[in-house]
Amino acid sequence: MERTEAELIQAVLGGDASSFEPLVLKYSPRLFATARRYARREDEVQDVVQEIWLKAYEKLATFRGDAPFEHWLMRLAVRTCYDFLRSHQRSRET
């Protein structure tokens, strides 16, 4: 029996890091598609997506459950992409 996203999130927050993997498998294609709109090179896209997942894991406790997990994750993704653009712009100027 498959667990719901809420159950997976609760398991991760309870210390079961392996419960995060189904979320990664489910949402990675959408995150890659989003990151490709902000980064040009594939290695940059991979770095951005990895950063998104790292932030999502670290900030998972801030997910309140008022909206679907996907909305929370995509908002985090877009903010991370903007951070990437800002840092990329700064490095290009120097």
Protein backbone atom coordinates (compact mmCIF):
# COMPACT_ATOMS: atom_id res chain seq x y z
CA MET A 1 0.00 0.00 0.00
CA GLU A 2 1.34 3.39 -0.98
CA ARG A 3 1.55 6.11 1.61
CA THR A 4 0.10 9.55 1.08
CA GLU A 5 2.30 12.62 0.81
CA ALA A 6 1.22 13.69 4.30
CA GLU A 7 2.27 10.31 5.70
CA LEU A 8 5.61 10.48 3.90
CA ILE A 9 6.25 13.98 5.22
CA GLN A 10 5.39 12.94 8.76
CA ALA A 11 7.74 9.96 8.45
CA VAL A 12 10.58 12.21 7.25
CA LEU A 13 9.97 14.63 10.09
CA GLY A 14 9.98 11.66 12.44
CA GLY A 15 13.48 10.73 11.32
CA ASP A 16 12.86 8.32 8.42
CA ALA A 17 14.94 9.97 5.69
CA SER A 18 14.17 7.19 3.20
CA SER A 19 10.54 8.35 3.10
CA PHE A 20 11.74 11.44 1.25
CA GLU A 21 12.71 9.41 -1.82
CA PRO A 22 9.16 8.87 -3.16
CA LEU A 23 8.64 12.63 -3.10
CA VAL A 24 11.90 13.15 -4.98
CA LEU A 25 10.92 10.58 -7.61
CA LYS A 26 7.47 12.08 -8.06
CA TYR A 27 8.41 15.76 -8.33
CA SER A 28 11.89 15.75 -9.89
CA PRO A 29 10.63 15.91 -13.50
CA ARG A 30 8.63 19.04 -12.74
CA LEU A 31 11.56 20.61 -10.88
CA PHE A 32 13.90 19.90 -13.79
CA ALA A 33 11.42 21.50 -16.19
CA THR A 34 11.20 24.59 -13.96
CA ALA A 35 14.96 24.86 -13.49
CA ARG A 36 15.53 24.63 -17.25
CA ARG A 37 13.63 27.90 -17.63
CA TYR A 38 16.20 29.67 -15.44
CA ALA A 39 19.51 27.94 -16.18
CA ARG A 40 21.05 27.37 -19.59
CA ARG A 41 23.54 24.57 -19.09
CA GLU A 42 22.44 21.11 -18.00
CA ASP A 43 25.03 20.99 -15.20
CA GLU A 44 23.58 24.23 -13.82
CA VAL A 45 20.07 22.76 -14.03
CA GLN A 46 21.20 19.72 -12.06
CA ASP A 47 22.86 21.93 -9.45
CA VAL A 48 19.72 24.04 -9.07
CA VAL A 49 17.48 20.98 -8.68
CA GLN A 50 19.86 19.49 -6.13
CA GLU A 51 19.77 22.78 -4.21
CA ILE A 52 15.95 22.77 -4.33
CA TRP A 53 15.78 19.26 -2.86
CA LEU A 54 18.34 20.13 -0.19
CA LYS A 55 16.34 23.18 0.86
CA ALA A 56 13.09 21.21 0.74
CA TYR A 57 14.53 18.57 3.06
CA GLU A 58 15.97 21.13 5.45
CA LYS A 59 12.80 23.26 5.53
CA LEU A 60 10.26 20.43 5.48
CA ALA A 61 9.21 21.27 9.04
CA THR A 62 7.94 24.64 7.76
CA PHE A 63 5.42 22.92 5.49
CA ARG A 64 2.09 23.53 7.23
CA GLY A 65 -0.14 21.46 4.98
CA ASP A 66 -2.59 24.31 4.27
CA ALA A 67 -1.94 23.89 0.56
CA PRO A 68 -0.72 20.85 -1.38
CA PHE A 69 2.93 19.88 -0.95
CA GLU A 70 3.47 20.48 -4.67
CA HIS A 71 2.55 24.17 -4.30
CA TRP A 72 4.96 24.61 -1.40
CA LEU A 73 7.72 22.80 -3.29
CA MET A 74 7.23 24.78 -6.50
CA ARG A 75 7.29 28.07 -4.63
CA LEU A 76 10.56 26.98 -3.03
CA ALA A 77 11.83 25.95 -6.47
CA VAL A 78 11.11 29.30 -8.08
CA ARG A 79 12.74 31.17 -5.20
CA THR A 80 15.81 28.96 -5.48
CA CYS A 81 15.93 29.59 -9.23
CA TYR A 82 15.80 33.35 -8.61
CA ASP A 83 18.64 32.96 -6.10
CA PHE A 84 20.61 31.15 -8.79
CA LEU A 85 19.97 33.94 -11.29
CA ARG A 86 21.06 36.59 -8.80
CA SER A 87 24.29 34.78 -7.97
CA HIS A 88 24.93 34.05 -11.64
CA GLN A 89 24.41 37.72 -12.51
CA ARG A 90 26.83 38.82 -9.77
CA SER A 91 29.52 36.41 -10.90
CA ARG A 92 29.12 37.55 -14.51
CA GLU A 93 29.57 41.20 -13.53
CA THR A 94 32.87 40.62 -11.72
